[in-house]
């Protein structure tokens, strides 16, 4: 027997709560909550596309935060959304660089919201995201390998602690 979502008893019905994130179209401010690499199914190529999935809190005019996602496909082409997004953060990776996605957490951004309708439902999507330069935040986006000298220096510190 399937459960009827609208029926609580024979005389009273309660409508289920359907909550959709809604943000007006246009330019909005936000903050990156998280960034992870994710594979999405696609009908092109090998059936998967790799992207960086940014979770962004977008702030509404009344001060509420709505969580939306922005997932540009990993591409080094300078006109790709991924490359343009990184460039807005001053990040231009070179061959063999390792990007630390945790470094994006907490950074202020400006997003462009576009609405798309599918099956009668309006979805709010981040079409473009750039760093909000009104707040100066210094961030190192790359994973740096320690030099032999740095490793030895750290090891000496631990040896000194152990000796005490």
Foldseek 3Di string as FASTA:
>chain_A
DDDDQQDPDDPHGDDDDDDAFDADFFKFKKAWAFWDWDWDADPDDPRIFIWIKTWIFTAHPVGHTTTAIDTFTDDLPCPGLVNVQCVLVVDNDDPPWAFDRRQRHGFMKMFGWDWDDDPNDIHIHTPHIHGDPVDDDDTDGTDDDDDPVRVVVVVVVVVVVVVD
